Protein backbone atom coordinates (compact mmCIF):
# COMPACT_ATOMS: atom_id res chain seq x y z
CA MET A 1 100.03 96.33 149.71
CA LYS A 2 103.28 95.13 148.87
CA THR A 3 106.47 96.02 150.85
CA TYR A 4 109.74 96.57 149.25
CA ASP A 5 112.98 96.07 150.63
CA ASP A 6 114.78 99.09 149.35
CA PRO A 7 113.66 102.15 150.98
CA MET A 8 113.23 104.32 148.19
CA LEU A 9 111.20 102.11 146.68
CA GLN A 10 108.81 101.53 149.56
CA GLN A 11 108.75 105.31 150.40
CA ILE A 12 107.62 105.92 146.27
CA ALA A 13 104.92 102.98 147.06
CA ASP A 14 103.42 104.70 150.18
CA ASN A 15 103.46 107.89 148.29
CA LEU A 16 101.62 106.13 145.49
CA ALA A 17 98.88 105.27 147.90
CA SER A 18 98.57 108.60 149.22
CA ASP A 19 94.77 110.37 148.96
CA ASP A 20 96.90 113.51 147.32
CA PRO A 21 96.88 113.04 143.26
CA GLY A 22 99.65 115.55 143.52
CA ILE A 23 101.78 113.51 145.53
CA ARG A 24 100.82 110.67 143.45
CA ARG A 25 101.65 112.51 140.43
CA VAL A 26 105.22 113.09 141.78
CA ALA A 27 105.86 109.89 143.06
CA VAL A 28 105.51 108.43 139.00
CA LEU A 29 108.23 110.94 138.37
CA GLU A 30 110.65 109.52 141.34
CA LEU A 31 110.10 105.83 139.60
CA VAL A 32 112.09 106.53 136.84
CA ASP A 33 115.18 107.65 138.78
CA CYS A 34 114.59 104.66 141.14
CA GLY A 35 116.43 102.25 139.17
CA GLU A 36 114.92 99.18 141.01
CA PRO A 37 113.38 96.18 138.64
CA GLU A 38 110.41 96.27 141.06
CA ALA A 39 109.38 99.70 140.10
CA ALA A 40 107.52 98.36 136.93
CA GLU A 41 105.27 97.00 139.31
CA LEU A 42 104.36 100.33 140.80
CA LEU A 43 104.37 102.04 137.16
CA ILE A 44 101.76 99.18 136.48
CA LEU A 45 99.60 100.44 139.51
CA ALA A 46 99.95 103.93 138.48
CA LEU A 47 98.68 103.21 134.87
CA ASN A 48 95.58 102.31 137.01
CA ASP A 49 95.23 105.26 139.13
CA PRO A 50 91.51 106.75 139.67
CA ASP A 51 93.21 109.93 138.91
CA PRO A 52 93.62 110.50 134.93
CA ALA A 53 96.52 113.09 135.79
CA VAL A 54 98.55 110.59 137.28
CA ARG A 55 97.39 107.78 134.80
CA GLN A 56 98.53 110.50 132.13
CA GLU A 57 102.06 110.93 134.06
CA ALA A 58 102.70 106.97 134.53
CA ALA A 59 101.87 106.77 130.22
CA LYS A 60 104.57 109.59 129.61
CA VAL A 61 107.33 108.08 131.33
CA VAL A 62 106.59 104.25 130.62
CA ASP A 63 109.43 103.82 127.68
CA GLU A 64 111.71 104.28 130.70
CA PHE A 65 111.00 100.80 131.38
CA ASP A 66 111.82 97.41 129.98
CA ALA A 67 109.69 95.45 131.11
CA VAL A 68 107.17 93.39 128.62
CA ASP A 69 104.23 93.50 131.36
CA ILE A 70 104.04 97.27 130.90
CA ALA A 71 102.57 96.33 127.13
CA ASP A 72 99.76 94.83 128.65
CA ALA A 73 99.11 98.18 130.93
CA LEU A 74 99.25 100.36 128.22
CA ILE A 75 96.76 97.99 125.87
CA ALA A 76 94.47 97.92 128.63
CA ALA A 77 94.95 102.43 128.87
CA LEU A 78 93.99 102.46 125.58
CA GLN A 79 90.30 102.01 126.85
CA ASP A 80 90.57 104.64 129.16
CA SER A 81 87.68 106.52 129.79
CA ASN A 82 89.77 109.61 129.64
CA GLU A 83 91.35 110.91 126.26
CA VAL A 84 94.14 112.11 127.39
CA VAL A 85 94.72 108.85 129.24
CA ARG A 86 94.45 107.13 125.73
CA ASN A 87 96.58 109.45 123.47
CA ALA A 88 99.31 109.02 126.32
CA ALA A 89 99.06 105.32 126.19
CA ALA A 90 99.18 105.46 122.74
CA HIS A 91 101.78 107.13 122.55
CA ALA A 92 104.19 105.63 124.85
CA LEU A 93 103.23 101.92 123.27
CA ALA A 94 104.82 103.07 119.88
CA ASP A 95 107.83 104.58 121.66
CA LEU A 96 107.94 101.15 123.76
CA LYS A 97 110.17 99.34 120.86
CA ASP A 98 110.60 96.19 122.61
CA PRO A 99 110.73 93.38 120.40
CA ALA A 100 109.39 91.26 123.31
CA ALA A 101 106.33 93.17 123.35
CA ALA A 102 105.38 92.13 120.04
CA MET A 103 103.12 88.80 120.64
CA PRO A 104 101.30 90.90 123.52
CA LEU A 105 100.57 93.02 121.43
CA LEU A 106 99.22 91.05 118.58
CA GLU A 107 97.24 88.94 121.09
CA ALA A 108 95.50 92.23 122.03
CA LEU A 109 95.08 92.97 118.60
CA ALA A 110 93.34 89.98 117.71
CA GLY A 111 90.91 90.52 120.82
CA THR A 112 89.65 93.95 119.95
CA ASP A 113 87.58 95.69 117.20
CA ASP A 114 87.91 99.42 118.79
CA PRO A 115 89.48 101.78 116.11
CA PHE A 116 91.84 103.57 118.51
CA VAL A 117 92.68 100.47 120.53
CA VAL A 118 93.35 98.77 117.01
CA ALA A 119 95.39 101.60 115.76
CA GLY A 120 97.64 102.29 118.92
CA ILE A 121 98.65 98.57 118.65
CA LEU A 122 99.59 98.69 115.01
CA ARG A 123 101.35 101.84 115.38
CA ALA A 124 103.04 99.66 118.19
CA VAL A 125 103.92 96.62 116.22
CA LYS A 126 105.09 98.56 112.96
CA PRO A 127 108.83 99.52 114.23
CA LEU A 128 108.89 95.86 115.55
CA ARG A 129 109.23 94.63 111.95
CA ASN A 130 107.47 91.08 113.29
CA PRO A 131 106.27 88.75 110.51
CA ALA A 132 103.67 87.85 112.59
CA ALA A 133 102.03 91.27 111.96
CA GLN A 134 101.58 90.67 108.51
CA ALA A 135 98.11 88.84 108.22
CA PRO A 136 96.38 90.67 111.05
CA ALA A 137 97.47 94.22 109.06
CA LEU A 138 96.25 92.53 105.62
CA GLN A 139 93.42 92.19 107.42
CA ARG A 140 92.83 95.57 108.58
CA MET A 141 93.56 97.06 105.24
CA GLN A 142 89.93 96.42 104.95
CA ALA A 143 88.81 98.21 108.03
CA ALA A 144 85.79 101.09 107.83
CA ASP A 145 88.29 103.56 109.90
CA ALA A 146 90.65 105.09 107.82
CA GLY A 147 92.81 105.66 110.86
CA VAL A 148 93.09 101.72 111.32
CA ARG A 149 93.77 101.19 107.11
CA ARG A 150 96.46 104.03 107.68
CA GLU A 151 98.25 102.49 110.30
CA ALA A 152 98.29 98.85 109.00
CA VAL A 153 99.38 100.37 105.57
CA ALA A 154 102.56 101.50 107.17
CA VAL A 155 103.16 98.00 109.19
CA LEU A 156 103.12 96.24 105.77
CA GLY A 157 105.56 99.17 104.24
CA TRP A 158 107.98 98.40 107.34
CA LEU A 159 107.60 94.73 106.63
CA LYS A 160 108.92 95.02 102.95
CA GLN A 161 107.26 91.70 101.55
CA ALA A 162 106.82 91.75 98.03
CA GLU A 163 103.67 89.69 98.53
CA ASN A 164 101.76 92.85 100.28
CA LEU A 165 102.55 95.16 97.36
CA PRO A 166 99.25 94.46 95.19
CA ALA A 167 97.35 95.66 98.69
CA LEU A 168 99.12 98.49 99.09
CA MET A 169 98.93 99.56 95.53
CA GLU A 170 95.11 98.87 95.86
CA ARG A 171 94.78 101.13 98.96
CA ALA A 172 97.10 103.86 97.17
CA GLN A 173 94.94 104.10 94.25
CA HIS A 174 91.89 103.40 94.98
CA ASP A 175 91.11 104.19 98.98
CA GLU A 176 88.35 107.01 99.81
CA ASP A 177 90.59 108.31 101.87
CA ALA A 178 93.74 110.33 101.20
CA GLU A 179 95.88 110.08 103.93
CA VAL A 180 95.44 106.29 103.39
CA ARG A 181 96.83 106.83 99.99
CA ARG A 182 99.50 109.14 100.73
CA ALA A 183 100.59 106.52 103.24
CA ALA A 184 100.13 103.84 100.93
CA THR A 185 101.85 105.67 98.38
CA GLY A 186 104.83 106.34 100.77
CA ALA A 187 105.18 102.98 101.71
CA LEU A 188 105.71 101.52 98.11
CA VAL A 189 109.77 102.65 98.34
CA TYR A 190 110.90 99.20 99.32
CA ALA A 191 109.64 97.64 95.84
CA THR A 192 111.60 97.98 92.55
CA PRO A 193 110.91 100.75 90.35
CA GLU A 194 109.77 97.97 87.80
CA GLN A 195 107.14 96.84 90.37
CA VAL A 196 105.74 99.98 91.44
CA GLY A 197 106.75 102.74 88.88
CA PRO A 198 103.78 102.92 86.67
CA THR A 199 101.55 103.08 89.79
CA LEU A 200 103.43 106.04 91.36
CA VAL A 201 103.41 107.96 88.04
CA GLY A 202 99.63 107.43 87.85
CA LEU A 203 99.59 108.80 91.38
CA LEU A 204 101.17 112.03 90.20
CA HIS A 205 97.15 112.90 89.08
CA ASP A 206 95.78 111.76 92.42
CA ALA A 207 93.14 114.14 93.72
CA HIS A 208 94.81 115.45 96.46
CA TRP A 209 98.10 117.38 96.74
CA GLN A 210 99.39 115.45 99.10
CA VAL A 211 99.28 112.41 97.49
CA ARG A 212 100.99 113.74 94.69
CA VAL A 213 103.82 115.07 96.56
CA GLU A 214 104.30 111.72 97.96
CA ALA A 215 104.35 110.54 94.65
CA ALA A 216 106.96 112.62 93.44
CA VAL A 217 109.27 111.87 96.37
CA SER A 218 108.64 108.18 95.99
CA ILE A 219 109.49 108.36 91.90
CA GLY A 220 112.62 109.88 93.15
CA LYS A 221 113.64 107.23 95.76
CA LEU A 222 112.96 104.58 93.44
CA ASP A 223 115.22 106.35 90.96
CA TYR A 224 112.17 105.50 88.42
CA GLN A 225 114.10 106.96 84.95
CA ALA A 226 110.91 106.13 82.79
CA ALA A 227 108.90 108.82 85.10
CA LEU A 228 111.11 111.75 83.41
CA GLN A 229 108.56 113.56 81.32
CA PRO A 230 105.76 112.92 83.92
CA LEU A 231 107.82 114.70 86.62
CA VAL A 232 108.26 117.34 84.13
CA GLU A 233 104.56 117.70 83.73
CA ALA A 234 104.28 117.58 87.56
CA THR A 235 106.51 120.79 87.85
CA HIS A 236 103.63 122.72 86.37
CA ASP A 237 101.03 121.35 89.23
CA SER A 238 98.71 123.84 91.12
CA PHE A 239 100.44 123.31 94.36
CA TRP A 240 104.12 124.67 95.06
CA GLN A 241 104.64 121.55 96.74
CA VAL A 242 103.93 118.88 94.24
CA ARG A 243 106.27 121.09 91.86
CA GLU A 244 109.03 121.03 94.62
CA LYS A 245 109.22 117.76 94.96
CA ALA A 246 108.99 117.04 91.34
CA VAL A 247 112.24 118.96 91.18
CA ASP A 248 113.75 117.37 93.26
CA SER A 249 113.38 114.00 91.99
CA LEU A 250 114.32 115.42 88.66
CA GLY A 251 117.82 115.98 89.91
CA LYS A 252 117.91 112.75 91.63
CA LEU A 253 117.25 110.93 88.44
CA GLY A 254 120.03 113.17 87.17
CA ALA A 255 117.76 114.21 83.93
CA VAL A 256 119.46 116.15 81.60
CA GLY A 257 116.35 115.86 79.32
CA ALA A 258 114.54 118.14 82.29
CA ILE A 259 117.25 121.03 82.48
CA PRO A 260 114.74 123.51 80.33
CA ALA A 261 112.07 122.54 82.41
CA LEU A 262 114.32 123.22 85.70
CA GLY A 263 115.27 126.33 84.15
CA VAL A 264 111.61 127.82 83.86
CA CYS A 265 111.21 126.78 88.00
CA ALA A 266 114.63 128.31 88.72
CA ARG A 267 112.76 132.00 87.41
CA ASP A 268 109.49 130.72 89.60
CA PRO A 269 108.54 133.75 91.94
CA MET A 270 108.46 131.48 94.87
CA SER A 271 111.79 131.13 96.07
CA ASN A 272 111.54 127.59 97.66
CA LEU A 273 110.66 126.75 94.17
CA ARG A 274 113.77 128.26 92.72
CA LYS A 275 116.14 126.67 95.53
CA ALA A 276 115.02 123.23 94.45
CA ALA A 277 115.46 123.85 90.64
CA ILE A 278 119.15 125.33 91.51
CA GLY A 279 120.01 122.35 93.53
CA ALA A 280 118.42 120.09 91.12
CA LEU A 281 120.49 121.51 88.26
CA GLY A 282 123.69 121.34 90.37
CA ALA A 283 122.96 117.21 91.27
CA ILE A 284 122.86 116.68 87.54
CA GLY A 285 125.55 118.65 86.68
CA HIS A 286 125.38 119.15 83.36
CA SER A 287 126.47 122.47 81.33
CA ASP A 288 123.21 123.18 79.79
CA GLY A 289 122.25 124.05 83.15
CA ARG A 290 125.19 126.78 83.51
CA PRO A 291 123.05 129.70 82.24
CA PHE A 292 120.47 129.79 84.78
CA VAL A 293 122.81 128.85 87.70
CA GLU A 294 124.74 131.78 86.75
CA THR A 295 121.33 134.22 86.85
CA ALA A 296 120.82 132.44 90.39
CA MET A 297 123.87 133.99 91.19
CA ASP A 298 122.10 137.12 91.82
CA ASP A 299 118.72 136.04 93.15
CA PRO A 300 117.28 138.32 95.74
CA ASP A 301 117.04 135.27 98.27
CA PRO A 302 120.20 134.50 100.04
CA ASP A 303 119.52 130.93 100.25
CA VAL A 304 119.36 130.76 96.26
CA ARG A 305 122.45 132.32 96.06
CA LYS A 306 124.07 130.18 97.99
CA LEU A 307 122.80 127.04 96.67
CA ALA A 308 123.48 128.64 93.47
CA ARG A 309 127.44 129.29 94.48
CA TRP A 310 127.19 125.19 95.24
CA ALA A 311 125.68 124.43 91.89
CA MET A 312 128.31 125.92 90.47
CA SER A 313 131.46 124.42 91.92
CA LYS A 314 129.72 121.06 91.02
CA LEU A 315 128.99 122.27 87.14
CA ASP A 316 132.96 123.31 87.64
CA ALA A 317 133.86 120.34 88.66
CA ALA A 318 131.89 118.30 85.87
CA ALA A 319 133.62 120.00 83.20
C-alpha cells in the first residue's frame, strides 16, 4: 500500500487496511475531516471495500470531495452487487454537481445499457446542463425502462432547448408511464405559452391526477391566459389536489372571470381548497371577490381566516 507523508492520512490508510470493517467505516468518516488532496485516493479505495457497509459509508461522503476521479468510482459503484451501495452511489453522483465530471459521466453513459446505471448517470448529468448531454438524453427518451425515460426528460428540461420541445410534448401526451408524463409536463415550463399552452390544456384531462396537477401548475407558471376556462373546469376535478392547483393558477393569471368559480371553492368543505381560493382572490384583487373574502373572515380554520385578512388588505389597497 502507498505510504503518505501526512501522519493523519497514513493512520487513516492503515485503518482502511484493517481486517475489522468497523474500523474501516470509521476511517471513511475521518477522511472527510482530513483536508488533504490525497484523501480522494483513499476514498476511492473505500468505494471498492469488500464490505458493503464500508462502501455505503464512502458513497455517502463522496460529495465532500472535488476529485473528478471520484465520478468514475461512483459510476462503477452503480453496478455494485449490493443494492444499498448502488443507491448510495446514485445519490452521491446526483450530489456531485461538478462540471468537470460531465465528460466522464457521458462517456460512461455511452458504454452501458443497464437501466439503473443509465438512470443514475442521467440524474448526475442533469444539473450540469452540458450541451453534450442532449443527444444521449434524446436517445434514452425511447428506452424501455420508465425510470430511464423519466431521467432523460429531466435532462432535456434542464437544457431548455427549443428543439427538444416536440420530444418532451410527445412524452407528456403519450408515454405509457404516468410519472414520465408528469415529469415531461413539468419540463415544458421553459417554453413560451404559445409553444406549449394548448398541450398543457389537453393534459388537464390526463387519466392520472398527478399529470393533471402538473399541467395546472405549469399553466400558472407560464401565465397562459387562454387557459382560463379549462382551469375553471379543472376546479371541478375529482381530485382535490388538481382543484387546488387550478385555483392557484387562476390567481396567478389574475383571472377576474374566474371569481365566481373561486367563490364556490372558497366555500368548499376542504380547508386547503378554501385557502387556495382566498389566496387567488387576494392575488386577483378585484372587488367582485370581496363578498367571498368577507365570509372567509369567519372561517372555522384559523389559516383561512389569516389568509382572508391578507386578501382583504389587497382588496382595500386595490380600491
